[in-house]
Amino acid sequence: MATVKLEGFSELERELAKLTKSAGKGVLRRSLKIAATPMKDLMQDLAPRGDTATDELADSVTIGSKLSKRQAGLHRKMFRDDRAAVEMFVGPGPDPAAWNQEFGNVNHGAQPFARPAFDAEVKPTLDRLGRHLWDEFEKSRKRAARKAAKG
């Protein structure tokens, strides 16, 4: 389990409370996607390549809010009582080859790509997230002011 110390996020949470629910979710989604892009890129770079299956593996790494049916079921069990406003996921698509590449199997050794990318990028991603959230809050406030001036 990784331990990360966050600073300044209580101020961000107060700013988030000032926005409407939909505007706040938009701010969070956009910021999370931008902040996680270097992690996704590193996962793609570290993913093994060579034959058709592993080439598709690198291309399947994405950032999104949807999980496969199996992943969603496991996620619900793990976070049953945690109702986060916005969640984004970074990783390969629902391809069994991804698990075999990451952890290995009886036929070949592990070729990890997701965990090393996560370990290398978790702190920089959180730093980027804080910066992008402030930028998005400012943009959202300006949009709200323009909208209020028009109507």
C-alpha atoms as a PDB file:
ATOM      1  CA  MET A   1       0.000   0.000   0.000  1.00  0.00           C
ATOM      2  CA  ALA A   2       1.366   3.375  -0.978  1.00  0.00           C
ATOM      3  CA  THR A   3       1.249   6.320   1.409  1.00  0.00           C
ATOM      4  CA  VAL A   4       1.045   9.768  -0.126  1.00  0.00           C
ATOM      5  CA  LYS A   5       0.919  13.122   1.657  1.00  0.00           C
ATOM      6  CA  LEU A   6      -1.333  15.699   0.033  1.00  0.00           C
ATOM      7  CA  GLU A   7      -1.031  19.413   0.688  1.00  0.00           C
ATOM      8  CA  GLY A   8      -3.439  22.105  -0.448  1.00  0.00           C
ATOM      9  CA  PHE A   9      -6.283  19.755  -1.289  1.00  0.00           C
ATOM     10  CA  SER A  10      -8.478  21.027   1.577  1.00  0.00           C
ATOM     11  CA  GLU A  11      -8.441  24.450  -0.105  1.00  0.00           C
ATOM     12  CA  LEU A  12      -9.302  22.780  -3.403  1.00  0.00           C
ATOM     13  CA  GLU A  13     -12.216  21.020  -1.741  1.00  0.00           C
ATOM     14  CA  ARG A  14     -13.557  24.347  -0.456  1.00  0.00           C
ATOM     15  CA  GLU A  15     -13.327  25.799  -3.975  1.00  0.00           C
ATOM     16  CA  LEU A  16     -15.100  22.741  -5.357  1.00  0.00           C
ATOM     17  CA  ALA A  17     -17.979  23.292  -2.927  1.00  0.00           C
ATOM     18  CA  LYS A  18     -18.521  26.762  -4.444  1.00  0.00           C
ATOM     19  CA  LEU A  19     -19.302  25.281  -7.870  1.00  0.00           C
ATOM     20  CA  THR A  20     -22.497  23.616  -8.997  1.00  0.00           C
ATOM     21  CA  LYS A  21     -22.439  19.824  -8.853  1.00  0.00           C
ATOM     22  CA  SER A  22     -22.191  19.420 -12.633  1.00  0.00           C
ATOM     23  CA  ALA A  23     -19.524  22.119 -12.990  1.00  0.00           C
ATOM     24  CA  GLY A  24     -17.539  20.544 -10.159  1.00  0.00           C
ATOM     25  CA  LYS A  25     -17.669  17.118 -11.783  1.00  0.00           C
ATOM     26  CA  GLY A  26     -16.537  18.611 -15.082  1.00  0.00           C
ATOM     27  CA  VAL A  27     -13.627  20.350 -13.375  1.00  0.00           C
ATOM     28  CA  LEU A  28     -12.598  17.099 -11.686  1.00  0.00           C
ATOM     29  CA  ARG A  29     -12.925  14.988 -14.854  1.00  0.00           C
ATOM     30  CA  ARG A  30     -10.932  17.365 -17.030  1.00  0.00           C
ATOM     31  CA  SER A  31      -8.234  17.817 -14.396  1.00  0.00           C
ATOM     32  CA  LEU A  32      -7.911  14.098 -13.682  1.00  0.00           C
ATOM     33  CA  LYS A  33      -7.630  13.252 -17.363  1.00  0.00           C
ATOM     34  CA  ILE A  34      -4.948  15.871 -18.014  1.00  0.00           C
ATOM     35  CA  ALA A  35      -2.991  14.994 -14.862  1.00  0.00           C
ATOM     36  CA  ALA A  36      -3.039  11.247 -15.591  1.00  0.00           C
ATOM     37  CA  THR A  37      -1.949  11.492 -19.241  1.00  0.00           C
ATOM     38  CA  PRO A  38       1.806  11.151 -18.516  1.00  0.00           C
ATOM     39  CA  MET A  39       1.074   8.020 -16.444  1.00  0.00           C
ATOM     40  CA  LYS A  40      -0.881   6.555 -19.361  1.00  0.00           C
ATOM     41  CA  ASP A  41       1.934   7.447 -21.758  1.00  0.00           C
ATOM     42  CA  LEU A  42       4.520   5.787 -19.511  1.00  0.00           C
ATOM     43  CA  MET A  43       2.370   2.640 -19.252  1.00  0.00           C
ATOM     44  CA  GLN A  44       2.186   2.516 -23.026  1.00  0.00           C
ATOM     45  CA  ASP A  45       5.957   2.997 -23.309  1.00  0.00           C
ATOM     46  CA  LEU A  46       6.674   0.258 -20.751  1.00  0.00           C
ATOM     47  CA  ALA A  47       4.155  -2.230 -22.165  1.00  0.00           C
ATOM     48  CA  PRO A  48       5.954  -5.075 -23.923  1.00  0.00           C
ATOM     49  CA  ARG A  49       5.833  -5.056 -27.696  1.00  0.00           C
ATOM     50  CA  GLY A  50       6.779  -7.612 -30.263  1.00  0.00           C
ATOM     51  CA  ASP A  51       3.905  -9.734 -31.459  1.00  0.00           C
ATOM     52  CA  THR A  52       0.357  -8.759 -32.337  1.00  0.00           C
ATOM     53  CA  ALA A  53      -1.129  -9.411 -28.883  1.00  0.00           C
ATOM     54  CA  THR A  54       1.386  -7.294 -26.997  1.00  0.00           C
ATOM     55  CA  ASP A  55       1.238  -4.483 -29.568  1.00  0.00           C
ATOM     56  CA  GLU A  56      -2.492  -4.256 -28.951  1.00  0.00           C
ATOM     57  CA  LEU A  57      -1.824  -4.224 -25.206  1.00  0.00           C
ATOM     58  CA  ALA A  58       0.108  -0.941 -25.346  1.00  0.00           C
ATOM     59  CA  ASP A  59      -2.576   0.613 -27.543  1.00  0.00           C
ATOM     60  CA  SER A  60      -5.332  -0.490 -25.136  1.00  0.00           C
ATOM     61  CA  VAL A  61      -3.985   1.623 -22.239  1.00  0.00           C
ATOM     62  CA  THR A  62      -6.448   4.472 -21.724  1.00  0.00           C
ATOM     63  CA  ILE A  63      -7.809   6.946 -19.203  1.00  0.00           C
ATOM     64  CA  GLY A  64     -11.521   6.709 -18.597  1.00  0.00           C
ATOM     65  CA  SER A  65     -14.374   6.501 -16.158  1.00  0.00           C
ATOM     66  CA  LYS A  66     -15.680   3.119 -17.329  1.00  0.00           C
ATOM     67  CA  LEU A  67     -14.513  -0.329 -16.271  1.00  0.00           C
ATOM     68  CA  SER A  68     -15.209  -3.708 -17.816  1.00  0.00           C
ATOM     69  CA  LYS A  69     -18.147  -5.632 -16.359  1.00  0.00           C
ATOM     70  CA  ARG A  70     -15.821  -7.808 -14.261  1.00  0.00           C
ATOM     71  CA  GLN A  71     -13.707  -4.862 -13.071  1.00  0.00           C
ATOM     72  CA  ALA A  72     -16.831  -2.873 -12.178  1.00  0.00           C
ATOM     73  CA  GLY A  73     -18.115  -5.743 -10.031  1.00  0.00           C
ATOM     74  CA  LEU A  74     -14.817  -6.028  -8.183  1.00  0.00           C
ATOM     75  CA  HIS A  75     -14.643  -2.263  -7.777  1.00  0.00           C
ATOM     76  CA  ARG A  76     -18.152  -2.151  -6.275  1.00  0.00           C
ATOM     77  CA  LYS A  77     -17.194  -4.829  -3.751  1.00  0.00           C
ATOM     78  CA  MET A  78     -14.014  -3.012  -2.749  1.00  0.00           C
ATOM     79  CA  PHE A  79     -15.525   0.473  -2.504  1.00  0.00           C
ATOM     80  CA  ARG A  80     -19.109  -0.321  -1.566  1.00  0.00           C
ATOM     81  CA  ASP A  81     -19.350   2.443   1.053  1.00  0.00           C
ATOM     82  CA  ASP A  82     -17.173   5.008  -0.736  1.00  0.00           C
ATOM     83  CA  ARG A  83     -19.234   7.256  -3.000  1.00  0.00           C
ATOM     84  CA  ALA A  84     -16.631   9.418  -4.701  1.00  0.00           C
ATOM     85  CA  ALA A  85     -17.920  12.273  -6.832  1.00  0.00           C
ATOM     86  CA  VAL A  86     -15.662  11.429  -9.776  1.00  0.00           C
ATOM     87  CA  GLU A  87     -13.420   8.454 -10.506  1.00  0.00           C
ATOM     88  CA  MET A  88     -11.023   7.978 -13.395  1.00  0.00           C
ATOM     89  CA  PHE A  89      -9.051   4.849 -14.193  1.00  0.00           C
ATOM     90  CA  VAL A  90      -5.750   4.444 -16.026  1.00  0.00           C
ATOM     91  CA  GLY A  91      -4.769   1.105 -17.483  1.00  0.00           C
ATOM     92  CA  PRO A  92      -5.184  -1.449 -20.235  1.00  0.00           C
ATOM     93  CA  GLY A  93      -8.522  -2.579 -21.555  1.00  0.00           C
ATOM     94  CA  PRO A  94     -10.218  -5.769 -20.350  1.00  0.00           C
ATOM     95  CA  ASP A  95      -7.700  -8.028 -22.096  1.00  0.00           C
ATOM     96  CA  PRO A  96      -6.576 -11.116 -20.122  1.00  0.00           C
ATOM     97  CA  ALA A  97      -3.167 -10.725 -21.781  1.00  0.00           C
ATOM     98  CA  ALA A  98      -2.632  -7.564 -19.739  1.00  0.00           C
ATOM     99  CA  TRP A  99      -2.776  -9.509 -16.472  1.00  0.00           C
ATOM    100  CA  ASN A 100      -0.474 -12.213 -17.869  1.00  0.00           C
ATOM    101  CA  GLN A 101       2.045  -9.633 -19.062  1.00  0.00           C
ATOM    102  CA  GLU A 102       1.998  -7.717 -15.787  1.00  0.00           C
ATOM    103  CA  PHE A 103       2.262 -10.706 -13.427  1.00  0.00           C
ATOM    104  CA  GLY A 104       3.479 -13.554 -15.634  1.00  0.00           C
ATOM    105  CA  ASN A 105       2.167 -17.095 -15.834  1.00  0.00           C
ATOM    106  CA  VAL A 106       3.446 -20.653 -16.093  1.00  0.00           C
ATOM    107  CA  ASN A 107       4.679 -20.053 -19.655  1.00  0.00           C
ATOM    108  CA  HIS A 108       6.577 -16.782 -19.215  1.00  0.00           C
ATOM    109  CA  GLY A 109       7.810 -14.438 -16.552  1.00  0.00           C
ATOM    110  CA  ALA A 110       6.267 -11.171 -15.563  1.00  0.00           C
ATOM    111  CA  GLN A 111       6.836  -8.105 -17.734  1.00  0.00           C
ATOM    112  CA  PRO A 112       5.368  -5.401 -15.496  1.00  0.00           C
ATOM    113  CA  PHE A 113       4.377  -2.132 -17.107  1.00  0.00           C
ATOM    114  CA  ALA A 114       1.425  -0.756 -15.111  1.00  0.00           C
ATOM    115  CA  ARG A 115       2.875  -0.877 -11.598  1.00  0.00           C
ATOM    116  CA  PRO A 116       6.248   0.644 -12.538  1.00  0.00           C
ATOM    117  CA  ALA A 117       4.413   3.462 -14.345  1.00  0.00           C
ATOM    118  CA  PHE A 118       2.162   4.007 -11.332  1.00  0.00           C
ATOM    119  CA  ASP A 119       5.099   4.011  -8.911  1.00  0.00           C
ATOM    120  CA  ALA A 120       7.028   6.503 -11.052  1.00  0.00           C
ATOM    121  CA  GLU A 121       4.073   8.805 -11.728  1.00  0.00           C
ATOM    122  CA  VAL A 122       1.865   8.786  -8.617  1.00  0.00           C
ATOM    123  CA  LYS A 123       3.485  11.808  -6.927  1.00  0.00           C
ATOM    124  CA  PRO A 124       3.954  13.856 -10.131  1.00  0.00           C
ATOM    125  CA  THR A 125       0.349  13.044 -11.113  1.00  0.00           C
ATOM    126  CA  LEU A 126      -0.979  14.359  -7.808  1.00  0.00           C
ATOM    127  CA  ASP A 127       1.160  17.488  -8.158  1.00  0.00           C
ATOM    128  CA  ARG A 128      -0.184  18.041 -11.694  1.00  0.00           C
ATOM    129  CA  LEU A 129      -3.717  17.382 -10.481  1.00  0.00           C
ATOM    130  CA  GLY A 130      -3.479  20.147  -7.893  1.00  0.00           C
ATOM    131  CA  ARG A 131      -2.202  22.641 -10.465  1.00  0.00           C
ATOM    132  CA  HIS A 132      -4.790  21.674 -13.092  1.00  0.00           C
ATOM    133  CA  LEU A 133      -7.618  21.840 -10.567  1.00  0.00           C
ATOM    134  CA  TRP A 134      -6.742  25.447  -9.723  1.00  0.00           C
ATOM    135  CA  ASP A 135      -6.613  26.279 -13.454  1.00  0.00           C
ATOM    136  CA  GLU A 136      -9.959  24.573 -14.075  1.00  0.00           C
ATOM    137  CA  PHE A 137     -11.566  26.324 -11.087  1.00  0.00           C
ATOM    138  CA  GLU A 138     -10.494  29.659 -12.514  1.00  0.00           C
ATOM    139  CA  LYS A 139     -11.856  28.786 -15.977  1.00  0.00           C
ATOM    140  CA  SER A 140     -15.109  27.556 -14.460  1.00  0.00           C
ATOM    141  CA  ARG A 141     -15.549  30.758 -12.449  1.00  0.00           C
ATOM    142  CA  LYS A 142     -14.978  32.838 -15.598  1.00  0.00           C
ATOM    143  CA  ARG A 143     -17.516  30.736 -17.532  1.00  0.00           C
ATOM    144  CA  ALA A 144     -20.075  31.181 -14.745  1.00  0.00           C
ATOM    145  CA  ALA A 145     -19.468  34.949 -14.690  1.00  0.00           C
ATOM    146  CA  ARG A 146     -19.919  35.181 -18.491  1.00  0.00           C
ATOM    147  CA  LYS A 147     -23.087  33.114 -18.274  1.00  0.00           C
ATOM    148  CA  ALA A 148     -24.455  35.301 -15.459  1.00  0.00           C
ATOM    149  CA  ALA A 149     -23.645  38.471 -17.426  1.00  0.00           C
ATOM    150  CA  LYS A 150     -25.545  37.181 -20.471  1.00  0.00           C
ATOM    151  CA  GLY A 151     -28.587  36.007 -18.752  1.00  0.00           C
END
